[in-house]
Amino acid sequence: SLQRMGLDYVDIFYHHRPDADVDLEESMTALSDAVKSGKALYAG
C-alpha cells in the first residue's frame, strides 16, 4: 500500500475485519508492529 501511494507512512492502519482462522493476538501484534516500525502512526 505504501509503495502504491508513494508514502513512507500512513496515519492509520486498520485490520479491515476479524479473522476467525487466525489468533487475534497475531493480528493485533502485526498492527502494533506496523506502528512501532514507523510505517503507521495509529492503529485501528
All heavy atoms as atom14 arrays in JSON, in Angstrom:
{
  "sequence": "SLQRMGLDYVDIFYHHRPDADVDLEESMTALSDAVKSGKALYAG",
  "atom14_mask": [
    [1, 1, 1, 1, 1, 1, 0, 0, 0, 0, 0, 0, 0, 0],
    [1, 1, 1, 1, 1, 1, 1, 1, 0, 0, 0, 0, 0, 0],
    [1, 1, 1, 1, 1, 1, 1, 1, 1, 0, 0, 0, 0, 0],
    [1, 1, 1, 1, 1, 1, 1, 1, 1, 1, 1, 0, 0, 0],
    [1, 1, 1, 1, 1, 1, 1, 1, 0, 0, 0, 0, 0, 0],
    [1, 1, 1, 1, 0, 0, 0, 0, 0, 0, 0, 0, 0, 0],
    [1, 1, 1, 1, 1, 1, 1, 1, 0, 0, 0, 0, 0, 0],
    [1, 1, 1, 1, 1, 1, 1, 1, 0, 0, 0, 0, 0, 0],
    [1, 1, 1, 1, 1, 1, 1, 1, 1, 1, 1, 1, 0, 0],
    [1, 1, 1, 1, 1, 1, 1, 0, 0, 0, 0, 0, 0, 0],
    [1, 1, 1, 1, 1, 1, 1, 1, 0, 0, 0, 0, 0, 0],
    [1, 1, 1, 1, 1, 1, 1, 1, 0, 0, 0, 0, 0, 0],
    [1, 1, 1, 1, 1, 1, 1, 1, 1, 1, 1, 0, 0, 0],
    [1, 1, 1, 1, 1, 1, 1, 1, 1, 1, 1, 1, 0, 0],
    [1, 1, 1, 1, 1, 1, 1, 1, 1, 1, 0, 0, 0, 0],
    [1, 1, 1, 1, 1, 1, 1, 1, 1, 1, 0, 0, 0, 0],
    [1, 1, 1, 1, 1, 1, 1, 1, 1, 1, 1, 0, 0, 0],
    [1, 1, 1, 1, 1, 1, 1, 0, 0, 0, 0, 0, 0, 0],
    [1, 1, 1, 1, 1, 1, 1, 1, 0, 0, 0, 0, 0, 0],
    [1, 1, 1, 1, 1, 0, 0, 0, 0, 0, 0, 0, 0, 0],
    [1, 1, 1, 1, 1, 1, 1, 1, 0, 0, 0, 0, 0, 0],
    [1, 1, 1, 1, 1, 1, 1, 0, 0, 0, 0, 0, 0, 0],
    [1, 1, 1, 1, 1, 1, 1, 1, 0, 0, 0, 0, 0, 0],
    [1, 1, 1, 1, 1, 1, 1, 1, 0, 0, 0, 0, 0, 0],
    [1, 1, 1, 1, 1, 1, 1, 1, 1, 0, 0, 0, 0, 0],
    [1, 1, 1, 1, 1, 1, 1, 1, 1, 0, 0, 0, 0, 0],
    [1, 1, 1, 1, 1, 1, 0, 0, 0, 0, 0, 0, 0, 0],
    [1, 1, 1, 1, 1, 1, 1, 1, 0, 0, 0, 0, 0, 0],
    [1, 1, 1, 1, 1, 1, 1, 0, 0, 0, 0, 0, 0, 0],
    [1, 1, 1, 1, 1, 0, 0, 0, 0, 0, 0, 0, 0, 0],
    [1, 1, 1, 1, 1, 1, 1, 1, 0, 0, 0, 0, 0, 0],
    [1, 1, 1, 1, 1, 1, 0, 0, 0, 0, 0, 0, 0, 0],
    [1, 1, 1, 1, 1, 1, 1, 1, 0, 0, 0, 0, 0, 0],
    [1, 1, 1, 1, 1, 0, 0, 0, 0, 0, 0, 0, 0, 0],
    [1, 1, 1, 1, 1, 1, 1, 0, 0, 0, 0, 0, 0, 0],
    [1, 1, 1, 1, 1, 1, 1, 1, 1, 0, 0, 0, 0, 0],
    [1, 1, 1, 1, 1, 1, 0, 0, 0, 0, 0, 0, 0, 0],
    [1, 1, 1, 1, 0, 0, 0, 0, 0, 0, 0, 0, 0, 0],
    [1, 1, 1, 1, 1, 1, 1, 1, 1, 0, 0, 0, 0, 0],
    [1, 1, 1, 1, 1, 0, 0, 0, 0, 0, 0, 0, 0, 0],
    [1, 1, 1, 1, 1, 1, 1, 1, 0, 0, 0, 0, 0, 0],
    [1, 1, 1, 1, 1, 1, 1, 1, 1, 1, 1, 1, 0, 0],
    [1, 1, 1, 1, 1, 0, 0, 0, 0, 0, 0, 0, 0, 0],
    [1, 1, 1, 1, 0, 0, 0, 0, 0, 0, 0, 0, 0, 0]
  ],
  "atom14_positions": [
    [[0.83, -1.21, 0.0], [0.0, 0.0, 0.0], [0.87, 1.26, 0.0], [0.6, 2.21, -0.73], [-0.93, 0.01, 1.22], [-1.93, -0.98, 1.11], [0.0, 0.0, 0.0], [0.0, 0.0, 0.0], [0.0, 0.0, 0.0], [0.0, 0.0, 0.0], [0.0, 0.0, 0.0], [0.0, 0.0, 0.0], [0.0, 0.0, 0.0], [0.0, 0.0, 0.0]],
    [[1.9, 1.26, 0.83], [2.81, 2.41, 0.88], [3.48, 2.62, -0.47], [3.62, 3.76, -0.94], [3.86, 2.21, 1.97], [3.34, 2.21, 3.41], [4.46, 1.84, 4.37], [2.74, 3.56, 3.79], [0.0, 0.0, 0.0], [0.0, 0.0, 0.0], [0.0, 0.0, 0.0], [0.0, 0.0, 0.0], [0.0, 0.0, 0.0], [0.0, 0.0, 0.0]],
    [[3.86, 1.54, -1.12], [4.51, 1.65, -2.43], [3.54, 2.21, -3.46], [3.91, 3.09, -4.26], [5.01, 0.28, -2.87], [5.79, 0.31, -4.18], [6.36, -1.05, -4.53], [6.03, -2.05, -3.91], [7.23, -1.07, -5.53], [0.0, 0.0, 0.0], [0.0, 0.0, 0.0], [0.0, 0.0, 0.0], [0.0, 0.0, 0.0], [0.0, 0.0, 0.0]],
    [[2.29, 1.73, -3.46], [1.31, 2.23, -4.43], [1.03, 3.72, -4.25], [0.84, 4.44, -5.23], [0.01, 1.42, -4.32], [0.06, 0.06, -4.98], [-1.31, -0.58, -5.04], [-1.78, -1.01, -3.74], [-1.59, -2.22, -3.23], [-0.94, -3.14, -3.93], [-2.07, -2.54, -2.05], [0.0, 0.0, 0.0], [0.0, 0.0, 0.0], [0.0, 0.0, 0.0]],
    [[0.98, 4.17, -3.0], [0.67, 5.58, -2.75], [1.9, 6.47, -2.74], [1.78, 7.7, -2.73], [-0.09, 5.72, -1.43], [-1.49, 5.15, -1.48], [-2.48, 5.49, 0.01], [-1.8, 4.26, 1.15], [0.0, 0.0, 0.0], [0.0, 0.0, 0.0], [0.0, 0.0, 0.0], [0.0, 0.0, 0.0], [0.0, 0.0, 0.0], [0.0, 0.0, 0.0]],
    [[3.09, 5.87, -2.74], [4.31, 6.66, -2.7], [4.53, 7.34, -1.36], [5.06, 8.45, -1.29], [0.0, 0.0, 0.0], [0.0, 0.0, 0.0], [0.0, 0.0, 0.0], [0.0, 0.0, 0.0], [0.0, 0.0, 0.0], [0.0, 0.0, 0.0], [0.0, 0.0, 0.0], [0.0, 0.0, 0.0], [0.0, 0.0, 0.0], [0.0, 0.0, 0.0]],
    [[4.18, 6.64, -0.28], [4.28, 7.2, 1.06], [5.31, 6.44, 1.9], [5.55, 5.26, 1.68], [2.92, 7.12, 1.77], [1.78, 7.97, 1.19], [0.48, 7.65, 1.91], [2.1, 9.45, 1.28], [0.0, 0.0, 0.0], [0.0, 0.0, 0.0], [0.0, 0.0, 0.0], [0.0, 0.0, 0.0], [0.0, 0.0, 0.0], [0.0, 0.0, 0.0]],
    [[5.85, 7.13, 2.89], [6.72, 6.49, 3.87], [5.91, 5.9, 5.02], [6.36, 4.97, 5.69], [7.74, 7.48, 4.44], [8.7, 7.99, 3.39], [9.09, 7.2, 2.5], [9.06, 9.19, 3.43], [0.0, 0.0, 0.0], [0.0, 0.0, 0.0], [0.0, 0.0, 0.0], [0.0, 0.0, 0.0], [0.0, 0.0, 0.0], [0.0, 0.0, 0.0]],
    [[4.73, 6.47, 5.26], [3.87, 6.0, 6.36], [2.43, 6.38, 6.06], [2.16, 7.29, 5.27], [4.3, 6.64, 7.69], [4.01, 8.13, 7.76], [2.8, 8.6, 8.3], [4.9, 9.07, 7.27], [2.51, 9.95, 8.35], [4.63, 10.42, 7.32], [3.43, 10.87, 7.86], [3.14, 12.21, 7.9], [0.0, 0.0, 0.0], [0.0, 0.0, 0.0]],
    [[1.51, 5.67, 6.68], [0.11, 6.09, 6.71], [-0.19, 6.55, 8.14], [0.48, 6.14, 9.09], [-0.86, 4.97, 6.3], [-0.74, 4.67, 4.82], [-0.67, 3.71, 7.14], [0.0, 0.0, 0.0], [0.0, 0.0, 0.0], [0.0, 0.0, 0.0], [0.0, 0.0, 0.0], [0.0, 0.0, 0.0], [0.0, 0.0, 0.0], [0.0, 0.0, 0.0]],
    [[-1.19, 7.36, 8.26], [-1.54, 7.86, 9.6], [-2.3, 6.81, 10.4], [-2.12, 6.7, 11.62], [-2.37, 9.14, 9.46], [-1.58, 10.24, 8.8], [-0.8, 10.91, 9.49], [-1.69, 10.4, 7.56], [0.0, 0.0, 0.0], [0.0, 0.0, 0.0], [0.0, 0.0, 0.0], [0.0, 0.0, 0.0], [0.0, 0.0, 0.0], [0.0, 0.0, 0.0]],
    [[-3.16, 6.04, 9.73], [-3.92, 4.98, 10.41], [-3.84, 3.71, 9.58], [-4.08, 3.73, 8.37], [-5.4, 5.36, 10.59], [-5.57, 6.73, 11.27], [-6.13, 4.28, 11.4], [-7.01, 7.24, 11.26], [0.0, 0.0, 0.0], [0.0, 0.0, 0.0], [0.0, 0.0, 0.0], [0.0, 0.0, 0.0], [0.0, 0.0, 0.0], [0.0, 0.0, 0.0]],
    [[-3.52, 2.6, 10.22], [-3.56, 1.29, 9.58], [-4.57, 0.43, 10.33], [-4.48, 0.28, 11.55], [-2.18, 0.63, 9.6], [-2.12, -0.7, 8.91], [-2.67, -0.88, 7.64], [-1.51, -1.79, 9.53], [-2.61, -2.12, 7.0], [-1.44, -3.02, 8.9], [-2.0, -3.19, 7.63], [0.0, 0.0, 0.0], [0.0, 0.0, 0.0], [0.0, 0.0, 0.0]],
    [[-5.54, -0.11, 9.59], [-6.62, -0.9, 10.18], [-6.49, -2.39, 9.84], [-6.07, -2.75, 8.73], [-7.97, -0.5, 9.58], [-8.52, 0.85, 9.9], [-8.23, 1.95, 9.1], [-9.42, 1.02, 10.96], [-8.8, 3.19, 9.35], [-10.0, 2.26, 11.21], [-9.68, 3.34, 10.41], [-10.25, 4.57, 10.66], [0.0, 0.0, 0.0], [0.0, 0.0, 0.0]],
    [[-6.91, -3.22, 10.78], [-7.3, -4.56, 10.39], [-8.74, -4.45, 9.92], [-9.63, -4.07, 10.68], [-7.19, -5.54, 11.56], [-7.39, -6.96, 11.12], [-7.93, -7.92, 11.94], [-7.11, -7.59, 9.93], [-7.98, -9.08, 11.28], [-7.49, -8.89, 10.06], [0.0, 0.0, 0.0], [0.0, 0.0, 0.0], [0.0, 0.0, 0.0], [0.0, 0.0, 0.0]],
    [[-8.96, -4.79, 8.65], [-10.21, -4.49, 7.96], [-11.39, -5.33, 8.45], [-12.54, -4.95, 8.29], [-10.01, -4.71, 6.45], [-10.86, -3.86, 5.59], [-10.63, -3.69, 4.25], [-11.94, -3.1, 5.85], [-11.53, -2.89, 3.72], [-12.34, -2.51, 4.66], [0.0, 0.0, 0.0], [0.0, 0.0, 0.0], [0.0, 0.0, 0.0], [0.0, 0.0, 0.0]],
    [[-11.1, -6.49, 9.01], [-12.17, -7.37, 9.52], [-11.54, -8.42, 10.42], [-10.4, -8.83, 10.22], [-12.89, -8.07, 8.38], [-12.0, -9.05, 7.63], [-12.77, -9.97, 6.7], [-11.87, -11.01, 6.19], [-11.92, -12.27, 6.58], [-12.79, -12.67, 7.49], [-11.09, -13.16, 6.06], [0.0, 0.0, 0.0], [0.0, 0.0, 0.0], [0.0, 0.0, 0.0]],
    [[-12.27, -8.91, 11.41], [-11.73, -10.0, 12.23], [-11.63, -11.28, 11.42], [-12.38, -11.49, 10.47], [-12.76, -10.13, 13.36], [-14.01, -9.53, 12.81], [-13.59, -8.45, 11.87], [0.0, 0.0, 0.0], [0.0, 0.0, 0.0], [0.0, 0.0, 0.0], [0.0, 0.0, 0.0], [0.0, 0.0, 0.0], [0.0, 0.0, 0.0], [0.0, 0.0, 0.0]],
    [[-10.69, -12.13, 11.77], [-10.45, -13.37, 11.04], [-10.51, -14.53, 12.03], [-9.63, -14.68, 12.89], [-9.08, -13.32, 10.36], [-8.79, -14.55, 9.51], [-9.61, -15.5, 9.53], [-7.75, -14.56, 8.84], [0.0, 0.0, 0.0], [0.0, 0.0, 0.0], [0.0, 0.0, 0.0], [0.0, 0.0, 0.0], [0.0, 0.0, 0.0], [0.0, 0.0, 0.0]],
    [[-11.54, -15.35, 11.91], [-11.73, -16.47, 12.83], [-10.68, -17.56, 12.66], [-10.55, -18.44, 13.51], [-13.13, -17.07, 12.64], [0.0, 0.0, 0.0], [0.0, 0.0, 0.0], [0.0, 0.0, 0.0], [0.0, 0.0, 0.0], [0.0, 0.0, 0.0], [0.0, 0.0, 0.0], [0.0, 0.0, 0.0], [0.0, 0.0, 0.0], [0.0, 0.0, 0.0]],
    [[-9.92, -17.53, 11.57], [-8.91, -18.55, 11.31], [-7.53, -18.19, 11.86], [-6.6, -19.0, 11.78], [-8.79, -18.79, 9.8], [-10.05, -19.41, 9.22], [-10.7, -20.18, 9.93], [-10.37, -19.12, 8.06], [0.0, 0.0, 0.0], [0.0, 0.0, 0.0], [0.0, 0.0, 0.0], [0.0, 0.0, 0.0], [0.0, 0.0, 0.0], [0.0, 0.0, 0.0]],
    [[-7.38, -16.97, 12.36], [-6.09, -16.52, 12.87], [-6.28, -16.02, 14.29], [-7.23, -15.29, 14.59], [-5.5, -15.41, 11.98], [-4.22, -14.83, 12.58], [-5.23, -15.93, 10.57], [0.0, 0.0, 0.0], [0.0, 0.0, 0.0], [0.0, 0.0, 0.0], [0.0, 0.0, 0.0], [0.0, 0.0, 0.0], [0.0, 0.0, 0.0], [0.0, 0.0, 0.0]],
    [[-5.38, -16.4, 15.18], [-5.46, -15.94, 16.56], [-5.45, -14.42, 16.61], [-4.64, -13.77, 15.93], [-4.28, -16.5, 17.36], [-4.41, -16.22, 18.83], [-5.14, -16.96, 19.52], [-3.78, -15.26, 19.3], [0.0, 0.0, 0.0], [0.0, 0.0, 0.0], [0.0, 0.0, 0.0], [0.0, 0.0, 0.0], [0.0, 0.0, 0.0], [0.0, 0.0, 0.0]],
    [[-6.32, -13.84, 17.41], [-6.45, -12.39, 17.49], [-5.14, -11.74, 17.89], [-4.8, -10.65, 17.41], [-7.56, -12.02, 18.48], [-7.86, -10.55, 18.66], [-8.29, -9.9, 17.35], [-8.93, -10.34, 19.73], [0.0, 0.0, 0.0], [0.0, 0.0, 0.0], [0.0, 0.0, 0.0], [0.0, 0.0, 0.0], [0.0, 0.0, 0.0], [0.0, 0.0, 0.0]],
    [[-4.38, -12.39, 18.75], [-3.11, -11.81, 19.19], [-2.14, -11.63, 18.02], [-1.38, -10.66, 17.98], [-2.47, -12.67, 20.28], [-1.18, -12.11, 20.79], [-1.11, -12.06, 22.31], [-2.07, -12.5, 22.98], [-0.09, -11.57, 22.82], [0.0, 0.0, 0.0], [0.0, 0.0, 0.0], [0.0, 0.0, 0.0], [0.0, 0.0, 0.0], [0.0, 0.0, 0.0]],
    [[-2.14, -12.55, 17.07], [-1.25, -12.41, 15.91], [-1.63, -11.18, 15.09], [-0.76, -10.4, 14.67], [-1.3, -13.65, 15.03], [-0.43, -13.51, 13.78], [-0.33, -14.78, 12.96], [-0.63, -15.88, 13.48], [0.09, -14.69, 11.79], [0.0, 0.0, 0.0], [0.0, 0.0, 0.0], [0.0, 0.0, 0.0], [0.0, 0.0, 0.0], [0.0, 0.0, 0.0]],
    [[-2.92, -10.99, 14.85], [-3.37, -9.83, 14.08], [-3.04, -8.53, 14.8], [-2.58, -7.57, 14.18], [-4.88, -9.92, 13.82], [-5.21, -11.08, 13.1], [0.0, 0.0, 0.0], [0.0, 0.0, 0.0], [0.0, 0.0, 0.0], [0.0, 0.0, 0.0], [0.0, 0.0, 0.0], [0.0, 0.0, 0.0], [0.0, 0.0, 0.0], [0.0, 0.0, 0.0]],
    [[-3.28, -8.5, 16.11], [-3.02, -7.28, 16.86], [-1.52, -7.01, 16.97], [-1.08, -5.85, 16.94], [-3.65, -7.38, 18.25], [-5.17, -7.39, 18.24], [-5.94, -5.96, 17.41], [-6.33, -6.67, 15.8], [0.0, 0.0, 0.0], [0.0, 0.0, 0.0], [0.0, 0.0, 0.0], [0.0, 0.0, 0.0], [0.0, 0.0, 0.0], [0.0, 0.0, 0.0]],
    [[-0.71, -8.06, 17.09], [0.74, -7.86, 17.13], [1.23, -7.28, 15.81], [2.13, -6.42, 15.8], [1.46, -9.19, 17.43], [1.0, -9.69, 18.69], [2.96, -8.98, 17.5], [0.0, 0.0, 0.0], [0.0, 0.0, 0.0], [0.0, 0.0, 0.0], [0.0, 0.0, 0.0], [0.0, 0.0, 0.0], [0.0, 0.0, 0.0], [0.0, 0.0, 0.0]],
    [[0.65, -7.72, 14.69], [1.01, -7.15, 13.39], [0.68, -5.67, 13.34], [1.47, -4.84, 12.86], [0.31, -7.9, 12.27], [0.0, 0.0, 0.0], [0.0, 0.0, 0.0], [0.0, 0.0, 0.0], [0.0, 0.0, 0.0], [0.0, 0.0, 0.0], [0.0, 0.0, 0.0], [0.0, 0.0, 0.0], [0.0, 0.0, 0.0], [0.0, 0.0, 0.0]],
    [[-0.51, -5.3, 13.85], [-0.89, -3.87, 13.89], [0.1, -3.09, 14.76], [0.55, -2.0, 14.38], [-2.29, -3.71, 14.48], [-3.5, -3.82, 13.57], [-4.77, -3.53, 14.37], [-3.4, -2.87, 12.38], [0.0, 0.0, 0.0], [0.0, 0.0, 0.0], [0.0, 0.0, 0.0], [0.0, 0.0, 0.0], [0.0, 0.0, 0.0], [0.0, 0.0, 0.0]],
    [[0.4, -3.62, 15.93], [1.31, -2.94, 16.83], [2.68, -2.76, 16.2], [3.29, -1.68, 16.28], [1.43, -3.73, 18.14], [2.35, -3.12, 19.02], [0.0, 0.0, 0.0], [0.0, 0.0, 0.0], [0.0, 0.0, 0.0], [0.0, 0.0, 0.0], [0.0, 0.0, 0.0], [0.0, 0.0, 0.0], [0.0, 0.0, 0.0], [0.0, 0.0, 0.0]],
    [[3.17, -3.8, 15.55], [4.5, -3.72, 14.94], [4.51, -2.75, 13.76], [5.54, -2.13, 13.48], [4.96, -5.1, 14.49], [5.35, -5.99, 15.67], [5.44, -5.46, 16.8], [5.56, -7.2, 15.46], [0.0, 0.0, 0.0], [0.0, 0.0, 0.0], [0.0, 0.0, 0.0], [0.0, 0.0, 0.0], [0.0, 0.0, 0.0], [0.0, 0.0, 0.0]],
    [[3.37, -2.62, 13.06], [3.29, -1.64, 11.98], [3.51, -0.23, 12.52], [4.21, 0.59, 11.91], [1.94, -1.74, 11.27], [0.0, 0.0, 0.0], [0.0, 0.0, 0.0], [0.0, 0.0, 0.0], [0.0, 0.0, 0.0], [0.0, 0.0, 0.0], [0.0, 0.0, 0.0], [0.0, 0.0, 0.0], [0.0, 0.0, 0.0], [0.0, 0.0, 0.0]],
    [[2.93, 0.05, 13.69], [3.11, 1.36, 14.31], [4.54, 1.52, 14.83], [5.19, 2.55, 14.61], [2.08, 1.56, 15.45], [2.37, 2.83, 16.23], [0.66, 1.59, 14.88], [0.0, 0.0, 0.0], [0.0, 0.0, 0.0], [0.0, 0.0, 0.0], [0.0, 0.0, 0.0], [0.0, 0.0, 0.0], [0.0, 0.0, 0.0], [0.0, 0.0, 0.0]],
    [[5.05, 0.5, 15.51], [6.39, 0.61, 16.09], [7.47, 0.71, 15.02], [8.55, 1.27, 15.27], [6.64, -0.59, 17.0], [5.8, -0.54, 18.28], [6.0, -1.77, 19.15], [5.15, -1.67, 20.41], [5.28, -2.87, 21.27], [0.0, 0.0, 0.0], [0.0, 0.0, 0.0], [0.0, 0.0, 0.0], [0.0, 0.0, 0.0], [0.0, 0.0, 0.0]],
    [[7.19, 0.22, 13.81], [8.14, 0.33, 12.71], [8.15, 1.72, 12.08], [9.04, 2.02, 11.28], [7.82, -0.71, 11.64], [6.64, -0.35, 10.93], [0.0, 0.0, 0.0], [0.0, 0.0, 0.0], [0.0, 0.0, 0.0], [0.0, 0.0, 0.0], [0.0, 0.0, 0.0], [0.0, 0.0, 0.0], [0.0, 0.0, 0.0], [0.0, 0.0, 0.0]],
    [[7.14, 2.53, 12.39], [7.03, 3.85, 11.8], [6.27, 3.87, 10.49], [6.11, 4.94, 9.88], [0.0, 0.0, 0.0], [0.0, 0.0, 0.0], [0.0, 0.0, 0.0], [0.0, 0.0, 0.0], [0.0, 0.0, 0.0], [0.0, 0.0, 0.0], [0.0, 0.0, 0.0], [0.0, 0.0, 0.0], [0.0, 0.0, 0.0], [0.0, 0.0, 0.0]],
    [[5.77, 2.71, 10.05], [5.02, 2.67, 8.79], [3.57, 3.09, 8.97], [2.86, 3.32, 7.99], [5.11, 1.27, 8.18], [6.52, 0.89, 7.75], [6.58, -0.52, 7.21], [8.02, -0.89, 6.83], [8.11, -2.29, 6.32], [0.0, 0.0, 0.0], [0.0, 0.0, 0.0], [0.0, 0.0, 0.0], [0.0, 0.0, 0.0], [0.0, 0.0, 0.0]],
    [[3.11, 3.17, 10.2], [1.8, 3.7, 10.55], [1.94, 4.47, 11.85], [2.78, 4.12, 12.69], [0.77, 2.59, 10.71], [0.0, 0.0, 0.0], [0.0, 0.0, 0.0], [0.0, 0.0, 0.0], [0.0, 0.0, 0.0], [0.0, 0.0, 0.0], [0.0, 0.0, 0.0], [0.0, 0.0, 0.0], [0.0, 0.0, 0.0], [0.0, 0.0, 0.0]],
    [[1.13, 5.51, 12.02], [1.2, 6.31, 13.24], [0.17, 5.86, 14.28], [0.42, 5.99, 15.48], [1.0, 7.79, 12.91], [1.98, 8.4, 11.91], [1.75, 9.91, 11.8], [3.42, 8.1, 12.28], [0.0, 0.0, 0.0], [0.0, 0.0, 0.0], [0.0, 0.0, 0.0], [0.0, 0.0, 0.0], [0.0, 0.0, 0.0], [0.0, 0.0, 0.0]],
    [[-0.96, 5.35, 13.81], [-2.02, 4.89, 14.7], [-2.57, 3.57, 14.17], [-2.46, 3.27, 12.98], [-3.16, 5.91, 14.8], [-2.77, 7.24, 15.39], [-2.41, 8.31, 14.56], [-2.77, 7.45, 16.76], [-2.05, 9.54, 15.1], [-2.42, 8.68, 17.3], [-2.07, 9.71, 16.46], [-1.72, 10.93, 17.0], [0.0, 0.0, 0.0], [0.0, 0.0, 0.0]],
    [[-3.22, 2.81, 15.05], [-3.81, 1.53, 14.68], [-5.3, 1.54, 14.92], [-5.79, 2.17, 15.87], [-3.16, 0.39, 15.47], [0.0, 0.0, 0.0], [0.0, 0.0, 0.0], [0.0, 0.0, 0.0], [0.0, 0.0, 0.0], [0.0, 0.0, 0.0], [0.0, 0.0, 0.0], [0.0, 0.0, 0.0], [0.0, 0.0, 0.0], [0.0, 0.0, 0.0]],
    [[-6.04, 0.83, 14.05], [-7.48, 0.75, 14.19], [-8.0, -0.6, 13.74], [-7.27, -1.42, 13.18], [0.0, 0.0, 0.0], [0.0, 0.0, 0.0], [0.0, 0.0, 0.0], [0.0, 0.0, 0.0], [0.0, 0.0, 0.0], [0.0, 0.0, 0.0], [0.0, 0.0, 0.0], [0.0, 0.0, 0.0], [0.0, 0.0, 0.0], [0.0, 0.0, 0.0]]
  ]
}
